[in-house]
Structures are given as C-alpha cells and as structure tokens.
Amino acid sequence: MRVEVAFATGIAPPVAGLRSFRDTQRHDIEAQLGWPPGPGFAPRSKPDRVGVRALDIALLGIPRLLNIIANAGAAGGTLFGEPADIGKPREPENEVDDFPVMWAAPGDTARTLPWQLDPARRPKAYRTELVLTDQRLVILGEDKDAGSAPTEELWTAARHTVADIERMPYSEGVSDVRVRFGDGSWTRWKVQEALKLVRRVRNELQPAAEGDLTPQQRERLATLVASPPLQISRSIGTMLPVTEPPSLERFSDGTVMVELQVPLSSGTVWTVTRYLSPDGTDDVTKDSPR
C-alpha cells in the first residue's frame, strides 16, 4: 500500500493551520530535532480565531457544497470523503489547546521521523508518501518541481515497531491517523485512505480475488460495476463506463471491501467504496471511524 502522508494540521480555531512537537512532559522539542526552521507554535487568541473560522468556512465550504451537489448517498460515495459533521474533539488537550504531531521522549522512534513530513518546512511542490509492506513502513520524498529528480527514501522502520494505529475523527475528511510506536512515542499524520491504512496495519484486511467471493457478492459486484451508485450534477460531468478492475479486500468475517474507480467526462475519477456482507448486502458498519 502506498499513500500520500504528512504531519497533520489542527482544525480547531485556536490551532487551525498549526502543529507542535512535544516530549512526554509537553515541552516544545522543535529546537532539539535539528530540523530547518519552522513557523513555531502559538495558539491563537480569541480575536484571531474569528478570521480563522471565516477562512475555514470559505475554504472547506466548497468541497462540502460539492458533496451535496454530488448526492453520492451511501457511505463511501462522496467526492471528498468528508463526513457531514466532524463532531467534537476527543482530546481537547491535543486537538484544541495544543496540537502535537510528535510525542516522544529523547531517543524514541517518533523523533527519528523526517522533517520533510512537515508541510511548513518543505518546498511547496515536495510530497511525501508512506509505503506499507509486509515487513516495513517506508517514507519516500519527491520534489515534483525537480523534473526527473529521483524519489528519496527518507525514513524506514520495521512494521513490528508499530504498537497501534487509530483514525482520529476530529480532522478534515477524517483523514488523520495516530501511529503509536512500541516505545510509547506517537505521531499524528494526515493520510490518504486513512481507514484502509488502519485496517491494513492491523491486518484486518487481506487482498481478495473475485473467485474468493460468495455467489451473492459476485452478483452484487457485477451490479456495482455496471451501474455505480453515484449521482452527480451535469455541471461536474457525466459518468463513463468503469474499465478498471475493482479493488477487492476481505475481512475475517467474510465481508468484502469493494473500491470502484469511476471515470467522469471531465477527466476526473471518483472512488466509490462499498462493503459487501457474505449475503451480498451492504454492511454500513464497516465504514465508521475507529
């Protein structure tokens, strides 16, 4: 599995657009990391939060409006994967009053993460990706403006060093995850396909082929491919036939996650996800944050 990854960013008005780096006593450790200078961290005062909220509405309101227009309906069918309501923070001390994306004592694994994960420190066109294999986690970096510049391996760790990973619901698009290492340190990342990454790291999902499906699942899959459950406004484009084979992964209980790449006449591609129980019906419980 390969997904784009970066340190997460606060969304609550006091910490919107910000991130901090802490030791286990909540001391600032940025200066100890040996990284290029960053913007620092200072929670916003109440007057400053008003402007942040207005900007949040202006920027985030657009994708939310498009989701409504798209009328994708069931879980997993929205363009941006953003829930109707991000809810309340579970940890105000780490999501409102402060926003640590690194929590680590000296010598802990989280302190070895590369500075290029920080969007505030790297060039605008620089991108970092996480590669998950059976044995390792690898972070790669690439400068998209550098033409044929090679992809760099920035960091690697054995997969067994990850004690747990969880999705953090209080985030834009529920795209944040917290990775806990065996030494007690942790990091908070914004990633593509957060739920899928969590399930992969936890070994809850295994690749599946169409032959592994029950007859009912195969029948439902054929229906999804022939007529994807996606309704969109004509101003956004029209659906074209699905030509890419669907991605199939199976849970231990036999439920299959189906991902369809639905092309549009506008040149964009939307991902539609469905969870099919062994009897071929939709299992909406598999799409909830964990």
C-alpha atoms as a PDB file:
ATOM      1  CA  MET A   1       0.000   0.000   0.000  1.00  0.00           C
ATOM      2  CA  ARG A   2       1.314   3.446  -0.939  1.00  0.00           C
ATOM      3  CA  VAL A   3      -0.391   6.673   0.167  1.00  0.00           C
ATOM      4  CA  GLU A   4       0.474  10.350   0.460  1.00  0.00           C
ATOM      5  CA  VAL A   5       1.331  11.315   4.039  1.00  0.00           C
ATOM      6  CA  ALA A   6       2.279  14.434   6.006  1.00  0.00           C
ATOM      7  CA  PHE A   7       2.135  15.672   9.568  1.00  0.00           C
ATOM      8  CA  ALA A   8      -1.458  16.544  10.409  1.00  0.00           C
ATOM      9  CA  THR A   9      -2.721  20.104  10.848  1.00  0.00           C
ATOM     10  CA  GLY A  10      -5.037  21.499  13.509  1.00  0.00           C
ATOM     11  CA  ILE A  11      -8.595  22.461  12.571  1.00  0.00           C
ATOM     12  CA  ALA A  12      -9.955  23.904  15.842  1.00  0.00           C
ATOM     13  CA  PRO A  13      -9.796  27.745  15.711  1.00  0.00           C
ATOM     14  CA  PRO A  14      -7.029  28.098  18.370  1.00  0.00           C
ATOM     15  CA  VAL A  15      -4.732  25.712  16.468  1.00  0.00           C
ATOM     16  CA  ALA A  16      -6.029  25.868  12.878  1.00  0.00           C
ATOM     17  CA  GLY A  17      -3.159  25.511  10.439  1.00  0.00           C
ATOM     18  CA  LEU A  18      -0.706  24.762  13.254  1.00  0.00           C
ATOM     19  CA  ARG A  19       1.195  21.789  14.663  1.00  0.00           C
ATOM     20  CA  SER A  20       3.535  21.273  17.617  1.00  0.00           C
ATOM     21  CA  PHE A  21       6.249  18.803  18.638  1.00  0.00           C
ATOM     22  CA  ARG A  22       6.329  17.691  22.282  1.00  0.00           C
ATOM     23  CA  ASP A  23       8.134  15.471  24.736  1.00  0.00           C
ATOM     24  CA  THR A  24       6.175  13.418  27.240  1.00  0.00           C
ATOM     25  CA  GLN A  25       6.078  16.401  29.634  1.00  0.00           C
ATOM     26  CA  ARG A  26       4.555  18.578  26.862  1.00  0.00           C
ATOM     27  CA  HIS A  27       7.724  20.601  26.440  1.00  0.00           C
ATOM     28  CA  ASP A  28       8.431  22.030  22.981  1.00  0.00           C
ATOM     29  CA  ILE A  29      11.199  19.945  21.342  1.00  0.00           C
ATOM     30  CA  GLU A  30      11.410  21.574  17.886  1.00  0.00           C
ATOM     31  CA  ALA A  31      14.818  23.077  18.627  1.00  0.00           C
ATOM     32  CA  GLN A  32      16.131  19.652  19.652  1.00  0.00           C
ATOM     33  CA  LEU A  33      15.275  17.917  16.393  1.00  0.00           C
ATOM     34  CA  GLY A  34      17.943  19.562  14.245  1.00  0.00           C
ATOM     35  CA  TRP A  35      15.431  20.447  11.550  1.00  0.00           C
ATOM     36  CA  PRO A  36      15.264  23.529   9.284  1.00  0.00           C
ATOM     37  CA  PRO A  37      13.446  26.435  10.974  1.00  0.00           C
ATOM     38  CA  GLY A  38       9.664  26.244  11.107  1.00  0.00           C
ATOM     39  CA  PRO A  39       6.888  28.704  11.952  1.00  0.00           C
ATOM     40  CA  GLY A  40       6.726  27.675  15.609  1.00  0.00           C
ATOM     41  CA  PHE A  41       3.563  27.122  17.578  1.00  0.00           C
ATOM     42  CA  ALA A  42       1.422  29.679  19.393  1.00  0.00           C
ATOM     43  CA  PRO A  43      -2.339  29.101  19.926  1.00  0.00           C
ATOM     44  CA  ARG A  44      -4.421  31.942  18.542  1.00  0.00           C
ATOM     45  CA  SER A  45      -6.158  34.474  20.742  1.00  0.00           C
ATOM     46  CA  LYS A  46      -9.941  34.781  20.581  1.00  0.00           C
ATOM     47  CA  PRO A  47      -9.932  37.792  18.184  1.00  0.00           C
ATOM     48  CA  ASP A  48      -7.658  35.890  15.780  1.00  0.00           C
ATOM     49  CA  ARG A  49      -9.981  32.867  15.819  1.00  0.00           C
ATOM     50  CA  VAL A  50     -12.803  34.825  14.143  1.00  0.00           C
ATOM     51  CA  GLY A  51     -10.742  35.244  10.975  1.00  0.00           C
ATOM     52  CA  VAL A  52      -9.721  31.607  11.052  1.00  0.00           C
ATOM     53  CA  ARG A  53     -13.346  30.470  11.241  1.00  0.00           C
ATOM     54  CA  ALA A  54     -14.294  32.709   8.318  1.00  0.00           C
ATOM     55  CA  LEU A  55     -11.432  31.256   6.272  1.00  0.00           C
ATOM     56  CA  ASP A  56     -12.449  27.741   7.265  1.00  0.00           C
ATOM     57  CA  ILE A  57     -15.978  28.323   6.008  1.00  0.00           C
ATOM     58  CA  ALA A  58     -14.718  29.866   2.778  1.00  0.00           C
ATOM     59  CA  LEU A  59     -12.296  27.044   2.005  1.00  0.00           C
ATOM     60  CA  LEU A  60     -13.998  23.969   3.419  1.00  0.00           C
ATOM     61  CA  GLY A  61     -17.446  25.109   2.380  1.00  0.00           C
ATOM     62  CA  ILE A  62     -16.635  24.476  -1.283  1.00  0.00           C
ATOM     63  CA  PRO A  63     -15.984  20.723  -1.043  1.00  0.00           C
ATOM     64  CA  ARG A  64     -18.900  20.327   1.338  1.00  0.00           C
ATOM     65  CA  LEU A  65     -21.170  22.039  -1.172  1.00  0.00           C
ATOM     66  CA  LEU A  66     -19.885  19.810  -3.958  1.00  0.00           C
ATOM     67  CA  ASN A  67     -20.590  16.761  -1.859  1.00  0.00           C
ATOM     68  CA  ILE A  68     -24.185  17.887  -1.501  1.00  0.00           C
ATOM     69  CA  ILE A  69     -24.444  18.530  -5.235  1.00  0.00           C
ATOM     70  CA  ALA A  70     -22.940  15.148  -5.985  1.00  0.00           C
ATOM     71  CA  ASN A  71     -25.606  13.495  -3.826  1.00  0.00           C
ATOM     72  CA  ALA A  72     -23.446  10.408  -3.555  1.00  0.00           C
ATOM     73  CA  GLY A  73     -25.787   8.989  -0.936  1.00  0.00           C
ATOM     74  CA  ALA A  74     -24.480   5.969   0.891  1.00  0.00           C
ATOM     75  CA  ALA A  75     -21.269   5.753   2.865  1.00  0.00           C
ATOM     76  CA  GLY A  76     -18.070   5.926   0.864  1.00  0.00           C
ATOM     77  CA  GLY A  77     -19.649   7.551  -2.194  1.00  0.00           C
ATOM     78  CA  THR A  78     -18.750  11.202  -1.569  1.00  0.00           C
ATOM     79  CA  LEU A  79     -16.163  13.016  -3.614  1.00  0.00           C
ATOM     80  CA  PHE A  80     -14.042  14.173  -0.736  1.00  0.00           C
ATOM     81  CA  GLY A  81     -14.864  11.500   1.833  1.00  0.00           C
ATOM     82  CA  GLU A  82     -15.805  14.184   4.337  1.00  0.00           C
ATOM     83  CA  PRO A  83     -18.481  13.431   6.955  1.00  0.00           C
ATOM     84  CA  ALA A  84     -21.473  15.697   7.387  1.00  0.00           C
ATOM     85  CA  ASP A  85     -20.237  16.640  10.861  1.00  0.00           C
ATOM     86  CA  ILE A  86     -16.699  16.172  12.156  1.00  0.00           C
ATOM     87  CA  GLY A  87     -18.094  16.177  15.676  1.00  0.00           C
ATOM     88  CA  LYS A  88     -16.288  17.226  18.824  1.00  0.00           C
ATOM     89  CA  PRO A  89     -12.635  16.674  19.686  1.00  0.00           C
ATOM     90  CA  ARG A  90     -11.952  13.556  21.739  1.00  0.00           C
ATOM     91  CA  GLU A  91      -8.806  15.039  23.258  1.00  0.00           C
ATOM     92  CA  PRO A  92      -9.139  18.818  23.734  1.00  0.00           C
ATOM     93  CA  GLU A  93      -5.651  18.972  25.207  1.00  0.00           C
ATOM     94  CA  ASN A  94      -4.223  17.590  21.939  1.00  0.00           C
ATOM     95  CA  GLU A  95      -6.731  18.966  19.434  1.00  0.00           C
ATOM     96  CA  VAL A  96      -7.814  22.395  20.712  1.00  0.00           C
ATOM     97  CA  ASP A  97      -5.420  23.742  23.347  1.00  0.00           C
ATOM     98  CA  ASP A  98      -2.404  22.182  21.646  1.00  0.00           C
ATOM     99  CA  PHE A  99      -1.858  20.131  18.506  1.00  0.00           C
ATOM    100  CA  PRO A 100       1.144  17.795  18.845  1.00  0.00           C
ATOM    101  CA  VAL A 101       2.026  15.714  15.799  1.00  0.00           C
ATOM    102  CA  MET A 102       5.030  14.243  17.579  1.00  0.00           C
ATOM    103  CA  TRP A 103       5.015  12.988  21.175  1.00  0.00           C
ATOM    104  CA  ALA A 104       8.340  11.493  22.144  1.00  0.00           C
ATOM    105  CA  ALA A 105      10.991  11.281  24.821  1.00  0.00           C
ATOM    106  CA  PRO A 106      14.681  11.505  23.850  1.00  0.00           C
ATOM    107  CA  GLY A 107      15.681   8.501  21.761  1.00  0.00           C
ATOM    108  CA  ASP A 108      12.102   7.469  20.934  1.00  0.00           C
ATOM    109  CA  THR A 109      11.123   6.308  17.464  1.00  0.00           C
ATOM    110  CA  ALA A 110       8.871   9.273  16.678  1.00  0.00           C
ATOM    111  CA  ARG A 111      11.865  11.610  16.949  1.00  0.00           C
ATOM    112  CA  THR A 112      13.511   9.860  14.011  1.00  0.00           C
ATOM    113  CA  LEU A 113      10.766  10.915  11.568  1.00  0.00           C
ATOM    114  CA  PRO A 114      11.969  13.128   8.693  1.00  0.00           C
ATOM    115  CA  TRP A 115      11.403  16.869   8.692  1.00  0.00           C
ATOM    116  CA  GLN A 116      10.057  16.653   5.133  1.00  0.00           C
ATOM    117  CA  LEU A 117       6.761  15.405   6.609  1.00  0.00           C
ATOM    118  CA  ASP A 118       6.163  18.989   7.774  1.00  0.00           C
ATOM    119  CA  PRO A 119       4.417  20.991   5.009  1.00  0.00           C
ATOM    120  CA  ALA A 120       5.603  24.220   6.659  1.00  0.00           C
ATOM    121  CA  ARG A 121       9.289  23.298   6.203  1.00  0.00           C
ATOM    122  CA  ARG A 122       9.494  21.675   2.787  1.00  0.00           C
ATOM    123  CA  PRO A 123       9.120  23.224  -0.694  1.00  0.00           C
ATOM    124  CA  LYS A 124       5.526  23.603  -1.843  1.00  0.00           C
ATOM    125  CA  ALA A 125       5.894  21.022  -4.597  1.00  0.00           C
ATOM    126  CA  TYR A 126       7.534  18.459  -2.332  1.00  0.00           C
ATOM    127  CA  ARG A 127       5.464  15.404  -1.485  1.00  0.00           C
ATOM    128  CA  THR A 128       5.967  12.564   0.976  1.00  0.00           C
ATOM    129  CA  GLU A 129       4.443   9.105   0.666  1.00  0.00           C
ATOM    130  CA  LEU A 130       4.118   6.176   3.041  1.00  0.00           C
ATOM    131  CA  VAL A 131       4.774   2.694   1.701  1.00  0.00           C
ATOM    132  CA  LEU A 132       3.458  -0.171   3.809  1.00  0.00           C
ATOM    133  CA  THR A 133       4.908  -3.620   3.137  1.00  0.00           C
ATOM    134  CA  ASP A 134       4.658  -6.904   4.994  1.00  0.00           C
ATOM    135  CA  GLN A 135       7.831  -6.033   6.909  1.00  0.00           C
ATOM    136  CA  ARG A 136       8.358  -2.274   6.877  1.00  0.00           C
ATOM    137  CA  LEU A 137       6.989   1.244   6.887  1.00  0.00           C
ATOM    138  CA  VAL A 138       8.894   3.466   4.482  1.00  0.00           C
ATOM    139  CA  ILE A 139       8.550   7.209   3.909  1.00  0.00           C
ATOM    140  CA  LEU A 140       9.563   8.464   0.471  1.00  0.00           C
ATOM    141  CA  GLY A 141      10.044  12.036  -0.673  1.00  0.00           C
ATOM    142  CA  GLU A 142       9.927  13.627  -4.101  1.00  0.00           C
ATOM    143  CA  ASP A 143      10.151  17.200  -5.373  1.00  0.00           C
ATOM    144  CA  LYS A 144       7.504  17.440  -8.085  1.00  0.00           C
ATOM    145  CA  ASP A 145       9.143  20.603  -9.475  1.00  0.00           C
ATOM    146  CA  ALA A 146      12.521  18.945  -9.917  1.00  0.00           C
ATOM    147  CA  GLY A 147      11.707  17.147 -13.159  1.00  0.00           C
ATOM    148  CA  SER A 148      13.454  13.795 -13.176  1.00  0.00           C
ATOM    149  CA  ALA A 149      14.755  14.080  -9.613  1.00  0.00           C
ATOM    150  CA  PRO A 150      14.797  10.617  -8.024  1.00  0.00           C
ATOM    151  CA  THR A 151      12.483   9.642  -5.192  1.00  0.00           C
ATOM    152  CA  GLU A 152      14.320   9.637  -1.857  1.00  0.00           C
ATOM    153  CA  GLU A 153      13.925   7.114   0.924  1.00  0.00           C
ATOM    154  CA  LEU A 154      13.666   9.408   3.958  1.00  0.00           C
ATOM    155  CA  TRP A 155      12.809   7.006   6.775  1.00  0.00           C
ATOM    156  CA  THR A 156      12.115   3.367   7.428  1.00  0.00           C
ATOM    157  CA  ALA A 157      11.013   1.294  10.406  1.00  0.00           C
ATOM    158  CA  ALA A 158      10.154  -2.328  10.957  1.00  0.00           C
ATOM    159  CA  ARG A 159       6.418  -2.897  10.886  1.00  0.00           C
ATOM    160  CA  HIS A 160       6.508  -4.590  14.286  1.00  0.00           C
ATOM    161  CA  THR A 161       7.630  -1.291  15.887  1.00  0.00           C
ATOM    162  CA  VAL A 162       4.052  -0.010  15.421  1.00  0.00           C
ATOM    163  CA  ALA A 163       2.062  -0.875  18.536  1.00  0.00           C
ATOM    164  CA  ASP A 164      -1.231   0.507  17.191  1.00  0.00           C
ATOM    165  CA  ILE A 165      -2.780   2.882  14.709  1.00  0.00           C
ATOM    166  CA  GLU A 166      -6.138   4.643  15.000  1.00  0.00           C
ATOM    167  CA  ARG A 167      -8.194   7.034  12.940  1.00  0.00           C
ATOM    168  CA  MET A 168      -8.740  10.461  14.511  1.00  0.00           C
ATOM    169  CA  PRO A 169     -12.315  11.569  13.717  1.00  0.00           C
ATOM    170  CA  TYR A 170     -11.743  15.237  14.561  1.00  0.00           C
ATOM    171  CA  SER A 171      -9.975  16.047  11.292  1.00  0.00           C
ATOM    172  CA  GLU A 172     -10.796  17.289   7.827  1.00  0.00           C
ATOM    173  CA  GLY A 173     -12.295  14.357   5.948  1.00  0.00           C
ATOM    174  CA  VAL A 174     -11.477  12.040   8.878  1.00  0.00           C
ATOM    175  CA  SER A 175      -8.061  11.810   7.229  1.00  0.00           C
ATOM    176  CA  ASP A 176      -5.875  11.881  10.366  1.00  0.00           C
ATOM    177  CA  VAL A 177      -4.338   8.821  11.984  1.00  0.00           C
ATOM    178  CA  ARG A 178      -2.283   8.434  15.134  1.00  0.00           C
ATOM    179  CA  VAL A 179       0.535   5.924  14.956  1.00  0.00           C
ATOM    180  CA  ARG A 180       1.751   4.615  18.312  1.00  0.00           C
ATOM    181  CA  PHE A 181       5.166   3.006  18.488  1.00  0.00           C
ATOM    182  CA  GLY A 182       6.204   0.301  20.907  1.00  0.00           C
ATOM    183  CA  ASP A 183       8.382   2.684  22.931  1.00  0.00           C
ATOM    184  CA  GLY A 184       5.347   4.845  23.812  1.00  0.00           C
ATOM    185  CA  SER A 185       6.012   7.656  21.338  1.00  0.00           C
ATOM    186  CA  TRP A 186       3.426   8.608  18.728  1.00  0.00           C
ATOM    187  CA  THR A 187       2.841  10.750  15.705  1.00  0.00           C
ATOM    188  CA  ARG A 188      -0.268  12.190  14.052  1.00  0.00           C
ATOM    189  CA  TRP A 189      -0.408  12.067  10.266  1.00  0.00           C
ATOM    190  CA  LYS A 190      -2.786  13.200   7.558  1.00  0.00           C
ATOM    191  CA  VAL A 191      -3.006  10.397   5.016  1.00  0.00           C
ATOM    192  CA  GLN A 192      -4.965   9.313   2.001  1.00  0.00           C
ATOM    193  CA  GLU A 193      -7.277   6.372   2.601  1.00  0.00           C
ATOM    194  CA  ALA A 194      -6.944   6.606   6.381  1.00  0.00           C
ATOM    195  CA  LEU A 195      -9.442   3.872   7.201  1.00  0.00           C
ATOM    196  CA  LYS A 196      -7.850   1.481   4.730  1.00  0.00           C
ATOM    197  CA  LEU A 197      -4.380   2.163   6.143  1.00  0.00           C
ATOM    198  CA  VAL A 198      -5.589   1.495   9.691  1.00  0.00           C
ATOM    199  CA  ARG A 199      -7.087  -1.819   8.669  1.00  0.00           C
ATOM    200  CA  ARG A 200      -4.006  -2.821   6.694  1.00  0.00           C
ATOM    201  CA  VAL A 201      -1.641  -2.098   9.586  1.00  0.00           C
ATOM    202  CA  ARG A 202      -3.928  -4.032  11.940  1.00  0.00           C
ATOM    203  CA  ASN A 203      -4.070  -6.929   9.471  1.00  0.00           C
ATOM    204  CA  GLU A 204      -7.867  -6.690   9.372  1.00  0.00           C
ATOM    205  CA  LEU A 205      -7.928  -6.710   5.561  1.00  0.00           C
ATOM    206  CA  GLN A 206      -6.435  -9.200   3.147  1.00  0.00           C
ATOM    207  CA  PRO A 207      -6.339  -8.952  -0.661  1.00  0.00           C
ATOM    208  CA  ALA A 208      -9.090 -10.954  -2.345  1.00  0.00           C
ATOM    209  CA  ALA A 209      -9.875 -12.132  -5.867  1.00  0.00           C
ATOM    210  CA  GLU A 210     -13.302 -12.360  -7.440  1.00  0.00           C
ATOM    211  CA  GLY A 211     -13.127 -16.132  -7.086  1.00  0.00           C
ATOM    212  CA  ASP A 212     -12.940 -15.708  -3.296  1.00  0.00           C
ATOM    213  CA  LEU A 213     -16.359 -14.032  -3.192  1.00  0.00           C
ATOM    214  CA  THR A 214     -19.640 -15.744  -2.459  1.00  0.00           C
ATOM    215  CA  PRO A 215     -22.118 -16.044  -5.374  1.00  0.00           C
ATOM    216  CA  GLN A 216     -24.204 -13.267  -3.809  1.00  0.00           C
ATOM    217  CA  GLN A 217     -21.173 -10.977  -3.528  1.00  0.00           C
ATOM    218  CA  ARG A 218     -20.194 -11.650  -7.150  1.00  0.00           C
ATOM    219  CA  GLU A 219     -23.713 -10.827  -8.305  1.00  0.00           C
ATOM    220  CA  ARG A 220     -23.724  -7.584  -6.321  1.00  0.00           C
ATOM    221  CA  LEU A 221     -20.242  -6.715  -7.607  1.00  0.00           C
ATOM    222  CA  ALA A 222     -21.386  -7.085 -11.211  1.00  0.00           C
ATOM    223  CA  THR A 223     -24.279  -4.719 -10.488  1.00  0.00           C
ATOM    224  CA  LEU A 224     -21.946  -2.132  -8.907  1.00  0.00           C
ATOM    225  CA  VAL A 225     -19.573  -2.205 -11.880  1.00  0.00           C
ATOM    226  CA  ALA A 226     -22.396  -1.940 -14.410  1.00  0.00           C
ATOM    227  CA  SER A 227     -24.196   0.833 -12.531  1.00  0.00           C
ATOM    228  CA  PRO A 228     -22.039   2.582  -9.901  1.00  0.00           C
ATOM    229  CA  PRO A 229     -24.158   4.048  -7.054  1.00  0.00           C
ATOM    230  CA  LEU A 230     -23.130   7.611  -7.749  1.00  0.00           C
ATOM    231  CA  GLN A 231     -25.312  10.544  -8.744  1.00  0.00           C
ATOM    232  CA  ILE A 232     -23.615  13.726  -9.882  1.00  0.00           C
ATOM    233  CA  SER A 233     -24.620  17.080 -11.265  1.00  0.00           C
ATOM    234  CA  ARG A 234     -24.167  17.563 -15.010  1.00  0.00           C
ATOM    235  CA  SER A 235     -22.032  20.597 -14.228  1.00  0.00           C
ATOM    236  CA  ILE A 236     -19.450  18.256 -12.698  1.00  0.00           C
ATOM    237  CA  GLY A 237     -19.540  15.718 -15.540  1.00  0.00           C
ATOM    238  CA  THR A 238     -21.176  12.509 -16.626  1.00  0.00           C
ATOM    239  CA  MET A 239     -20.195   9.016 -15.606  1.00  0.00           C
ATOM    240  CA  LEU A 240     -18.280   6.884 -18.065  1.00  0.00           C
ATOM    241  CA  PRO A 241     -18.151   3.073 -18.018  1.00  0.00           C
ATOM    242  CA  VAL A 242     -15.923   1.545 -15.340  1.00  0.00           C
ATOM    243  CA  THR A 243     -12.944  -0.037 -17.080  1.00  0.00           C
ATOM    244  CA  GLU A 244     -10.512  -0.600 -14.216  1.00  0.00           C
ATOM    245  CA  PRO A 245     -10.936  -3.869 -12.306  1.00  0.00           C
ATOM    246  CA  PRO A 246     -12.374  -3.207  -8.834  1.00  0.00           C
ATOM    247  CA  SER A 247     -10.105  -3.441  -5.819  1.00  0.00           C
ATOM    248  CA  LEU A 248     -11.216  -6.269  -3.522  1.00  0.00           C
ATOM    249  CA  GLU A 249     -10.151  -6.890   0.072  1.00  0.00           C
ATOM    250  CA  ARG A 250     -11.711  -9.232   2.583  1.00  0.00           C
ATOM    251  CA  PHE A 251     -12.307  -9.075   6.335  1.00  0.00           C
ATOM    252  CA  SER A 252     -12.040 -12.140   8.558  1.00  0.00           C
ATOM    253  CA  ASP A 253     -15.861 -12.317   8.808  1.00  0.00           C
ATOM    254  CA  GLY A 254     -16.163 -12.664   5.029  1.00  0.00           C
ATOM    255  CA  THR A 255     -17.221  -9.077   4.331  1.00  0.00           C
ATOM    256  CA  VAL A 256     -15.542  -7.736   1.190  1.00  0.00           C
ATOM    257  CA  MET A 257     -14.485  -4.130   0.641  1.00  0.00           C
ATOM    258  CA  VAL A 258     -15.050  -3.093  -2.972  1.00  0.00           C
ATOM    259  CA  GLU A 259     -13.434   0.025  -4.430  1.00  0.00           C
ATOM    260  CA  LEU A 260     -14.543   1.220  -7.853  1.00  0.00           C
ATOM    261  CA  GLN A 261     -12.694   3.851  -9.878  1.00  0.00           C
ATOM    262  CA  VAL A 262     -15.480   5.697 -11.694  1.00  0.00           C
ATOM    263  CA  PRO A 263     -14.268   7.943 -14.547  1.00  0.00           C
ATOM    264  CA  LEU A 264     -16.102  11.156 -15.437  1.00  0.00           C
ATOM    265  CA  SER A 265     -16.307  13.030 -18.708  1.00  0.00           C
ATOM    266  CA  SER A 266     -14.488  15.926 -17.020  1.00  0.00           C
ATOM    267  CA  GLY A 267     -11.358  13.768 -16.770  1.00  0.00           C
ATOM    268  CA  THR A 268     -11.587  13.169 -13.031  1.00  0.00           C
ATOM    269  CA  VAL A 269     -12.022   9.825 -11.328  1.00  0.00           C
ATOM    270  CA  TRP A 270     -14.170   9.231  -8.257  1.00  0.00           C
ATOM    271  CA  THR A 271     -13.668   6.336  -5.899  1.00  0.00           C
ATOM    272  CA  VAL A 272     -16.806   4.554  -4.723  1.00  0.00           C
ATOM    273  CA  THR A 273     -16.442   2.159  -1.791  1.00  0.00           C
ATOM    274  CA  ARG A 274     -18.904  -0.478  -0.670  1.00  0.00           C
ATOM    275  CA  TYR A 275     -18.694  -3.208   1.977  1.00  0.00           C
ATOM    276  CA  LEU A 276     -20.483  -6.388   0.949  1.00  0.00           C
ATOM    277  CA  SER A 277     -21.601  -8.938   3.521  1.00  0.00           C
ATOM    278  CA  PRO A 278     -21.382 -12.614   2.520  1.00  0.00           C
ATOM    279  CA  ASP A 279     -25.067 -12.453   1.508  1.00  0.00           C
ATOM    280  CA  GLY A 280     -24.287  -9.586  -0.886  1.00  0.00           C
ATOM    281  CA  THR A 281     -25.976  -6.806   1.099  1.00  0.00           C
ATOM    282  CA  ASP A 282     -24.243  -3.574   2.134  1.00  0.00           C
ATOM    283  CA  ASP A 283     -22.571  -3.568   5.546  1.00  0.00           C
ATOM    284  CA  VAL A 284     -22.588   0.121   6.566  1.00  0.00           C
ATOM    285  CA  THR A 285     -20.977  -0.592   9.944  1.00  0.00           C
ATOM    286  CA  LYS A 286     -17.570  -1.151   8.308  1.00  0.00           C
ATOM    287  CA  ASP A 287     -17.369   2.490   7.198  1.00  0.00           C
ATOM    288  CA  SER A 288     -17.480   4.031  10.682  1.00  0.00           C
ATOM    289  CA  PRO A 289     -14.367   5.625  12.256  1.00  0.00           C
ATOM    290  CA  ARG A 290     -12.461   3.504  14.747  1.00  0.00           C
END
